[in-house]
N, C-alpha and C. Protein backbone atom coordinates (compact mmCIF):
# COMPACT_ATOMS: atom_id res chain seq x y z
N MET A 1 86.69 82.78 89.42
CA MET A 1 87.75 82.97 90.45
C MET A 1 87.05 82.61 91.71
N MET A 2 86.28 82.54 92.30
CA MET A 2 85.65 82.31 93.77
C MET A 2 85.23 80.06 93.71
N MET A 3 84.85 80.20 92.19
CA MET A 3 85.09 78.55 92.09
C MET A 3 86.43 77.76 92.36
N ARG A 4 87.37 78.90 91.89
CA ARG A 4 89.08 78.04 92.64
C ARG A 4 88.80 78.43 93.80
N TRP A 5 88.78 79.44 94.28
CA TRP A 5 89.52 79.98 95.49
C TRP A 5 88.31 79.56 96.40
N LYS A 6 89.17 79.03 97.64
CA LYS A 6 87.78 78.47 98.62
C LYS A 6 88.40 78.79 100.17
N PRO A 7 88.14 80.61 100.66
CA PRO A 7 88.73 80.89 101.55
C PRO A 7 88.42 80.03 102.47
N ARG A 8 89.11 79.52 103.59
CA ARG A 8 89.04 78.69 104.68
C ARG A 8 88.09 79.48 105.67
N ARG A 9 88.52 80.91 105.95
CA ARG A 9 87.59 81.84 106.87
C ARG A 9 87.27 82.82 105.83
N LEU A 10 85.83 82.70 105.83
CA LEU A 10 84.53 83.01 104.60
C LEU A 10 84.56 84.34 105.00
N LEU A 11 84.18 85.22 106.37
CA LEU A 11 84.16 86.27 106.38
C LEU A 11 85.37 87.35 106.73
N LEU A 12 86.53 86.48 107.02
CA LEU A 12 88.04 87.35 107.10
C LEU A 12 88.15 87.75 105.59
N ALA A 13 87.76 86.73 105.29
CA ALA A 13 87.87 86.62 103.24
C ALA A 13 87.28 88.16 102.70
N GLY A 14 86.23 87.61 102.92
CA GLY A 14 85.38 88.70 102.26
C GLY A 14 85.20 89.94 103.06
N THR A 15 85.49 90.29 104.38
CA THR A 15 85.85 91.72 104.80
C THR A 15 87.25 92.37 104.36
N LEU A 16 87.99 91.56 103.89
CA LEU A 16 89.40 92.06 103.69
C LEU A 16 89.26 92.83 102.20
N CYS A 17 88.18 92.00 101.61
CA CYS A 17 88.14 92.09 100.10
C CYS A 17 86.97 93.56 100.00
N VAL A 18 86.79 94.25 101.18
CA VAL A 18 85.73 95.42 101.49
C VAL A 18 86.88 96.53 100.97
N PHE A 19 87.91 96.37 101.84
CA PHE A 19 89.33 97.89 101.91
C PHE A 19 89.74 98.23 100.39
N PRO A 20 89.34 97.44 99.55
CA PRO A 20 89.54 98.47 98.16
C PRO A 20 88.46 99.46 97.53
N LEU A 21 87.36 98.76 98.55
CA LEU A 21 85.83 100.14 98.21
C LEU A 21 86.51 101.72 98.47
N ALA A 22 87.61 101.70 99.17
CA ALA A 22 88.00 102.98 99.56
C ALA A 22 88.79 103.56 98.34
N LEU A 23 89.39 102.76 97.49
CA LEU A 23 90.30 103.15 96.27
C LEU A 23 89.90 103.99 95.21
N PRO A 24 88.49 103.39 94.70
CA PRO A 24 87.78 105.16 94.00
C PRO A 24 87.60 106.31 94.38
N SER A 25 87.29 106.18 95.46
CA SER A 25 87.55 108.19 96.42
C SER A 25 88.52 108.13 95.94
N ALA A 26 89.52 107.83 96.71
CA ALA A 26 90.86 108.21 96.63
C ALA A 26 91.54 108.61 95.24
N ALA A 27 91.08 107.36 94.20
CA ALA A 27 91.38 107.62 92.74
C ALA A 27 90.69 108.83 92.56
N LEU A 28 89.39 109.54 92.82
CA LEU A 28 88.86 110.70 92.38
C LEU A 28 89.82 111.52 92.88
N ALA A 29 90.27 111.74 94.05
CA ALA A 29 90.62 112.79 95.32
C ALA A 29 92.08 113.09 94.52
N VAL A 30 92.93 112.07 93.95
CA VAL A 30 94.49 112.50 93.47
C VAL A 30 93.89 113.18 92.36
N PRO A 31 93.71 113.59 91.21
CA PRO A 31 93.02 112.43 90.55
C PRO A 31 93.75 111.79 89.84
N LEU A 32 93.34 110.81 89.22
CA LEU A 32 93.77 109.51 88.34
C LEU A 32 93.41 110.07 87.02
N PRO A 33 93.88 109.31 85.69
CA PRO A 33 93.43 109.89 84.72
C PRO A 33 92.18 108.34 84.24
N VAL A 34 91.71 108.62 83.43
CA VAL A 34 90.34 107.85 82.99
C VAL A 34 90.85 106.66 82.90
N THR A 35 92.29 106.49 82.44
CA THR A 35 92.45 104.42 82.76
C THR A 35 92.88 104.03 83.85
N GLY A 36 94.17 105.10 85.06
CA GLY A 36 93.52 104.55 85.83
C GLY A 36 92.28 104.20 86.84
N LEU A 37 91.37 105.29 86.89
CA LEU A 37 90.22 105.59 87.09
C LEU A 37 89.28 103.69 87.19
N ALA A 38 89.59 104.27 85.68
CA ALA A 38 89.27 102.30 85.09
C ALA A 38 89.77 101.24 86.19
N ALA A 39 91.20 101.47 86.14
CA ALA A 39 92.25 99.87 86.76
C ALA A 39 91.05 100.14 88.03
N VAL A 40 91.88 101.34 88.57
CA VAL A 40 90.75 101.27 90.27
C VAL A 40 89.74 100.51 90.38
N MET A 41 88.22 101.20 89.46
CA MET A 41 87.10 100.13 89.48
C MET A 41 86.97 99.10 89.35
N PHE A 42 87.70 98.43 88.48
CA PHE A 42 87.77 97.58 88.17
C PHE A 42 87.49 96.40 89.37
N VAL A 43 89.42 96.61 89.77
CA VAL A 43 89.75 96.03 91.33
C VAL A 43 88.98 96.08 92.73
N SER A 44 87.71 97.42 92.23
CA SER A 44 86.68 97.62 93.76
C SER A 44 85.55 96.51 93.06
N ASP A 45 85.83 96.62 91.82
CA ASP A 45 83.82 95.64 91.66
C ASP A 45 84.54 93.82 91.81
N VAL A 46 85.19 93.58 91.23
CA VAL A 46 86.30 92.49 91.62
C VAL A 46 86.14 92.04 93.31
N ALA A 47 86.85 93.06 93.83
CA ALA A 47 86.80 92.85 95.40
C ALA A 47 85.30 92.78 95.74
N ILE A 48 84.54 93.27 95.72
CA ILE A 48 83.39 93.29 95.82
C ILE A 48 82.45 92.10 95.65
N GLU A 49 82.49 91.75 94.54
CA GLU A 49 81.93 90.85 94.29
C GLU A 49 82.47 88.93 95.11
N VAL A 50 83.82 89.42 95.37
CA VAL A 50 84.55 88.41 96.30
C VAL A 50 83.87 88.64 97.80
N PHE A 51 83.31 89.81 97.83
CA PHE A 51 83.35 89.90 99.14
C PHE A 51 81.54 89.39 99.23
N GLY A 52 80.90 89.65 98.47
CA GLY A 52 79.35 89.07 98.29
C GLY A 52 79.52 87.51 98.22
N VAL A 53 80.14 87.08 97.42
CA VAL A 53 80.39 85.22 97.33
C VAL A 53 80.79 84.72 98.46
N SER A 54 81.57 85.42 98.96
CA SER A 54 81.92 85.12 100.93
C SER A 54 80.74 85.51 101.77
N TRP A 55 80.40 86.39 101.80
CA TRP A 55 79.02 86.97 102.70
C TRP A 55 77.89 86.06 102.37
N MET A 56 77.63 85.75 100.97
CA MET A 56 76.37 84.78 101.11
C MET A 56 76.66 83.10 100.95
N THR A 57 77.78 82.77 101.20
CA THR A 57 78.03 81.53 101.38
C THR A 57 77.86 81.19 102.65
N ALA A 58 78.69 82.42 103.76
CA ALA A 58 78.46 82.37 105.36
C ALA A 58 77.15 82.28 105.65
N LEU A 59 76.05 83.36 105.09
CA LEU A 59 74.54 83.43 105.59
C LEU A 59 73.92 82.11 105.27
N HIS A 60 74.23 81.45 104.15
CA HIS A 60 73.64 80.05 103.86
C HIS A 60 74.30 79.07 105.07
N GLN A 61 75.48 79.10 105.33
CA GLN A 61 75.99 77.88 105.93
C GLN A 61 75.57 78.00 107.63
N GLU A 62 75.02 79.53 108.17
CA GLU A 62 75.27 79.93 109.36
C GLU A 62 73.67 79.79 109.03
N THR A 63 72.94 80.04 108.50
CA THR A 63 71.29 80.53 108.51
C THR A 63 70.51 79.55 108.70
N PRO A 64 70.07 78.82 109.49
CA PRO A 64 68.97 77.39 109.34
C PRO A 64 68.02 77.98 108.01
N GLU A 65 67.75 76.84 107.08
CA GLU A 65 67.04 77.21 105.84
C GLU A 65 65.51 77.77 106.11
N GLU A 66 64.74 77.34 107.06
CA GLU A 66 63.54 77.94 107.32
C GLU A 66 63.74 79.43 108.23
N LYS A 67 65.12 79.76 108.39
CA LYS A 67 64.72 81.72 108.79
C LYS A 67 65.67 82.17 107.55
N PHE A 68 65.95 81.56 106.89
CA PHE A 68 67.15 82.30 105.86
C PHE A 68 66.18 83.42 104.77
N SER A 69 64.48 83.01 104.73
CA SER A 69 64.19 84.49 103.86
C SER A 69 64.28 85.67 104.79
N ARG A 70 63.82 85.67 106.04
CA ARG A 70 63.98 86.29 107.35
C ARG A 70 65.17 87.16 107.07
N VAL A 71 66.15 86.13 107.41
CA VAL A 71 67.47 86.97 107.67
C VAL A 71 68.35 87.61 106.46
N SER A 72 67.97 86.89 105.65
CA SER A 72 68.37 87.69 104.29
C SER A 72 67.48 89.11 103.91
N ALA A 73 66.40 89.11 104.21
CA ALA A 73 65.54 90.55 103.77
C ALA A 73 66.38 91.54 104.95
N TYR A 74 66.32 91.05 106.42
CA TYR A 74 67.13 91.88 107.51
C TYR A 74 68.18 92.27 106.97
N ASP A 75 69.29 91.90 105.97
CA ASP A 75 70.51 91.69 105.86
C ASP A 75 70.14 92.92 104.71
N TRP A 76 69.36 92.64 103.69
CA TRP A 76 69.03 93.54 102.85
C TRP A 76 68.85 94.90 103.01
N PHE A 77 67.69 94.72 103.76
CA PHE A 77 67.61 96.28 104.85
C PHE A 77 68.58 96.99 105.20
N SER A 78 69.35 96.27 106.38
CA SER A 78 70.37 96.53 106.64
C SER A 78 71.23 97.49 105.54
N SER A 79 71.86 96.22 104.75
CA SER A 79 72.62 96.88 103.82
C SER A 79 72.38 98.35 102.90
N VAL A 80 70.91 98.77 102.54
CA VAL A 80 70.64 100.18 102.08
C VAL A 80 69.92 100.93 103.01
N ALA A 81 69.57 101.12 104.15
CA ALA A 81 68.68 101.95 104.96
C ALA A 81 69.45 103.10 105.09
N MET A 82 70.99 103.25 104.92
CA MET A 82 71.22 104.40 105.55
C MET A 82 71.59 105.06 104.39
N LEU A 83 71.72 104.42 103.10
CA LEU A 83 71.95 105.45 101.59
C LEU A 83 71.35 106.66 101.68
N PRO A 84 70.06 106.84 101.87
CA PRO A 84 69.30 108.07 102.12
C PRO A 84 69.83 108.52 102.50
N LEU A 85 70.47 108.83 103.90
CA LEU A 85 70.91 109.74 104.49
C LEU A 85 72.21 110.07 104.41
N ALA A 86 73.08 108.83 103.95
CA ALA A 86 74.06 109.24 103.39
C ALA A 86 74.60 109.87 102.24
N THR A 87 73.40 109.61 101.51
CA THR A 87 73.45 110.42 100.21
C THR A 87 72.55 111.83 100.16
N SER A 88 72.29 111.76 101.39
CA SER A 88 71.27 113.38 101.66
C SER A 88 72.34 114.14 102.15
N VAL A 89 73.62 113.37 102.96
CA VAL A 89 74.36 114.79 103.64
C VAL A 89 75.99 114.68 102.81
N ALA A 90 75.84 113.87 101.58
CA ALA A 90 76.89 113.76 101.02
C ALA A 90 77.39 115.40 100.66
N GLY A 91 76.22 116.08 99.84
CA GLY A 91 76.31 117.33 99.30
C GLY A 91 76.62 118.23 100.45
N PRO A 92 75.90 118.47 101.45
CA PRO A 92 76.43 119.37 102.18
C PRO A 92 77.72 119.64 102.78
N VAL A 93 78.49 117.62 103.11
CA VAL A 93 79.74 117.62 103.36
C VAL A 93 80.94 118.13 102.56
N GLU A 94 80.49 117.84 101.77
CA GLU A 94 81.23 118.49 100.21
C GLU A 94 81.32 119.96 100.33
N SER A 95 80.50 120.81 100.79
CA SER A 95 80.10 122.03 100.32
C SER A 95 80.85 122.60 101.40
N LEU A 96 81.11 121.85 102.89
CA LEU A 96 81.85 122.17 104.14
C LEU A 96 82.97 121.84 104.29
N VAL A 97 83.59 120.97 103.48
CA VAL A 97 85.17 120.69 104.02
C VAL A 97 85.70 120.84 102.43
N GLY A 98 84.84 120.48 101.10
CA GLY A 98 85.43 121.06 100.07
C GLY A 98 85.58 119.27 99.33
N CYS A 99 85.77 119.35 98.12
CA CYS A 99 85.53 118.06 97.34
C CYS A 99 86.82 117.26 97.79
N HIS A 100 87.54 117.49 97.74
CA HIS A 100 89.00 117.02 97.87
C HIS A 100 89.02 116.20 99.33
N GLU A 101 89.03 116.84 100.25
CA GLU A 101 88.93 117.05 101.70
C GLU A 101 88.11 115.55 101.82
N ALA A 102 86.46 116.26 100.87
CA ALA A 102 85.66 114.78 101.23
C ALA A 102 85.98 113.57 100.93
N LEU A 103 86.44 113.61 99.26
CA LEU A 103 86.81 112.10 98.72
C LEU A 103 87.87 111.41 99.50
N TRP A 104 89.45 112.37 100.53
CA TRP A 104 90.07 111.47 101.08
C TRP A 104 88.90 110.57 102.21
N GLY A 105 88.11 111.60 102.75
CA GLY A 105 87.31 111.45 104.08
C GLY A 105 86.80 110.15 103.95
N CYS A 106 86.09 110.44 102.67
CA CYS A 106 85.13 109.06 102.82
C CYS A 106 85.98 107.49 102.30
N ALA A 107 87.19 107.69 101.65
CA ALA A 107 88.09 106.83 101.62
C ALA A 107 88.40 106.35 103.14
N ALA A 108 88.50 107.27 103.30
CA ALA A 108 89.09 106.96 105.39
C ALA A 108 88.39 106.22 105.85
N LEU A 109 87.33 106.72 105.93
CA LEU A 109 85.66 106.33 106.86
C LEU A 109 85.39 104.38 106.16
N VAL A 110 85.71 104.73 104.57
CA VAL A 110 85.65 102.96 104.51
C VAL A 110 86.53 102.23 105.29
N VAL A 111 88.05 102.26 105.50
CA VAL A 111 89.33 101.91 105.80
C VAL A 111 88.79 102.00 107.09
N LEU A 112 88.49 103.05 108.16
CA LEU A 112 88.41 102.84 109.25
C LEU A 112 87.15 101.69 109.86
N VAL A 113 85.92 101.91 109.14
CA VAL A 113 85.06 101.01 109.53
C VAL A 113 85.08 99.64 109.26
N THR A 114 86.01 99.38 107.98
CA THR A 114 86.35 97.81 107.66
C THR A 114 87.18 97.62 108.48
N ALA A 115 88.28 98.09 109.26
CA ALA A 115 89.12 97.74 109.92
C ALA A 115 88.01 97.36 111.30
N ALA A 116 87.48 98.41 111.86
CA ALA A 116 86.33 98.26 112.87
C ALA A 116 85.63 96.50 112.66
N VAL A 117 85.36 96.34 112.08
CA VAL A 117 84.69 95.03 111.97
C VAL A 117 85.69 93.84 111.96
N LEU A 118 86.78 93.94 111.55
CA LEU A 118 87.81 92.71 112.20
C LEU A 118 88.33 92.76 113.42
N PHE A 119 87.91 93.83 114.18
CA PHE A 119 87.95 93.76 115.83
C PHE A 119 86.57 92.14 116.37
N ALA A 120 86.07 91.66 115.85
CA ALA A 120 84.89 91.16 115.86
C ALA A 120 85.36 89.89 115.89
N PRO A 121 85.63 88.93 116.96
CA PRO A 121 85.87 87.58 116.38
C PRO A 121 85.16 86.73 115.81
N ASP A 122 84.24 86.42 115.49
CA ASP A 122 83.32 86.24 114.34
C ASP A 122 83.52 86.29 113.18
N VAL A 123 83.78 87.27 112.86
CA VAL A 123 84.20 88.06 111.42
C VAL A 123 85.83 87.21 111.54
N ARG A 124 86.66 87.18 112.35
CA ARG A 124 87.90 86.50 112.23
C ARG A 124 88.26 85.23 112.11
N ASN A 125 87.02 84.58 112.55
CA ASN A 125 87.28 83.28 113.01
C ASN A 125 86.37 82.03 112.13
N LEU A 126 85.39 82.69 111.62
CA LEU A 126 84.48 81.72 111.33
C LEU A 126 84.85 81.10 110.34
N THR A 127 84.64 79.59 110.09
CA THR A 127 85.30 79.09 108.90
C THR A 127 84.49 78.31 108.19
N ARG A 128 84.54 77.99 106.89
CA ARG A 128 84.04 77.34 105.82
C ARG A 128 83.92 76.09 106.20
N ARG A 129 82.42 75.50 106.00
CA ARG A 129 82.28 73.85 106.53
C ARG A 129 82.80 73.10 105.14
N THR A 130 82.75 71.86 104.97
CA THR A 130 83.52 70.99 104.25
C THR A 130 82.05 70.09 103.97
N TYR A 131 81.73 69.85 103.10
CA TYR A 131 80.04 69.29 102.45
C TYR A 131 79.79 68.00 103.38
N GLU A 132 81.15 67.49 103.31
CA GLU A 132 80.86 66.63 104.51
C GLU A 132 80.77 66.55 105.86
N VAL A 133 81.27 67.80 106.06
CA VAL A 133 80.35 68.11 107.39
C VAL A 133 79.15 68.56 107.76
N ALA A 134 79.03 69.59 106.86
CA ALA A 134 77.31 69.84 106.87
C ALA A 134 76.52 68.90 106.70
N LYS A 135 77.08 68.04 105.77
CA LYS A 135 76.16 66.81 105.67
C LYS A 135 75.68 66.08 107.02
N THR A 136 76.85 65.78 107.70
CA THR A 136 77.03 65.18 108.97
C THR A 136 75.89 66.03 109.88
N GLU A 137 75.90 67.35 110.01
CA GLU A 137 75.11 68.61 110.83
C GLU A 137 73.96 68.30 110.38
N ALA A 138 73.74 68.03 109.26
CA ALA A 138 72.23 68.24 108.43
C ALA A 138 71.36 66.51 109.63
N ALA A 139 72.26 65.79 108.91
CA ALA A 139 71.90 64.35 109.83
C ALA A 139 71.66 64.29 110.98
N LEU A 140 72.77 64.93 111.91
CA LEU A 140 72.29 64.97 113.49
C LEU A 140 71.30 65.78 113.14
N ALA A 141 70.94 67.11 113.03
CA ALA A 141 69.68 67.94 112.87
C ALA A 141 68.35 66.88 112.60
N VAL A 142 68.15 66.32 112.07
CA VAL A 142 67.10 65.32 111.52
C VAL A 142 67.06 64.12 112.54
N SER A 143 68.28 63.94 112.68
CA SER A 143 68.04 62.51 113.91
C SER A 143 67.38 62.90 114.92
N ALA A 144 67.47 64.42 115.45
CA ALA A 144 67.41 65.27 117.08
C ALA A 144 66.24 65.53 116.64
N ASP A 145 65.83 65.98 115.70
CA ASP A 145 64.14 66.41 115.29
C ASP A 145 63.30 65.07 115.51
N ALA A 146 63.68 63.75 114.85
CA ALA A 146 63.18 62.89 114.91
C ALA A 146 62.86 62.13 116.66
N GLU A 147 63.94 62.47 117.34
CA GLU A 147 63.48 61.58 118.47
C GLU A 147 62.52 62.44 119.59
N GLY A 148 62.53 63.94 119.17
CA GLY A 148 61.02 64.76 120.08
C GLY A 148 61.83 65.26 121.40
N PRO A 149 61.10 66.27 121.90
CA PRO A 149 61.77 66.52 122.92
C PRO A 149 62.42 65.79 124.13
N ALA A 150 61.36 64.39 124.30
CA ALA A 150 62.01 63.56 125.34
C ALA A 150 63.33 63.19 124.72
N GLY A 151 63.76 62.66 123.54
CA GLY A 151 64.99 62.23 123.22
C GLY A 151 66.27 62.98 123.76
N ARG A 152 66.15 64.45 123.44
CA ARG A 152 66.72 65.25 123.54
C ARG A 152 66.84 65.74 125.34
N LEU A 153 66.01 65.44 126.16
CA LEU A 153 66.13 65.11 127.73
C LEU A 153 67.02 64.61 127.93
N GLY A 154 66.81 63.17 127.51
CA GLY A 154 67.58 62.24 127.97
C GLY A 154 68.44 61.62 127.89
């Protein structure tokens, strides 16, 4: 799918694909039958894969090669750092407010946090570079490095 669809605004497309992650919690809160839940899970799984491809494309496009390992390590760490805390509070929150309300709250939290991300201008405006533009930028960077510091000052 992503091979044919190449969104121009990578992070915007990816972020919009995070919204369906609210569907599984909402489907469990309703509750949907197993076939409905399976359909919701399929849609949310496809959406998160589209997000992942968009995110990794943007990360590769925007991160210099020599810094990519460090940036991707920080990215992964920040992605999983809060999981132990979230997992440890899920049970007490459910006990406090009830299962139905906790599931709806989870769905609402996904929607609210994802919507908040859309307020960042870089998320809305980062565009995909074409191969030709990337090749030209790489050539310019190589020639600037070849000139050395004196060439950049003059």
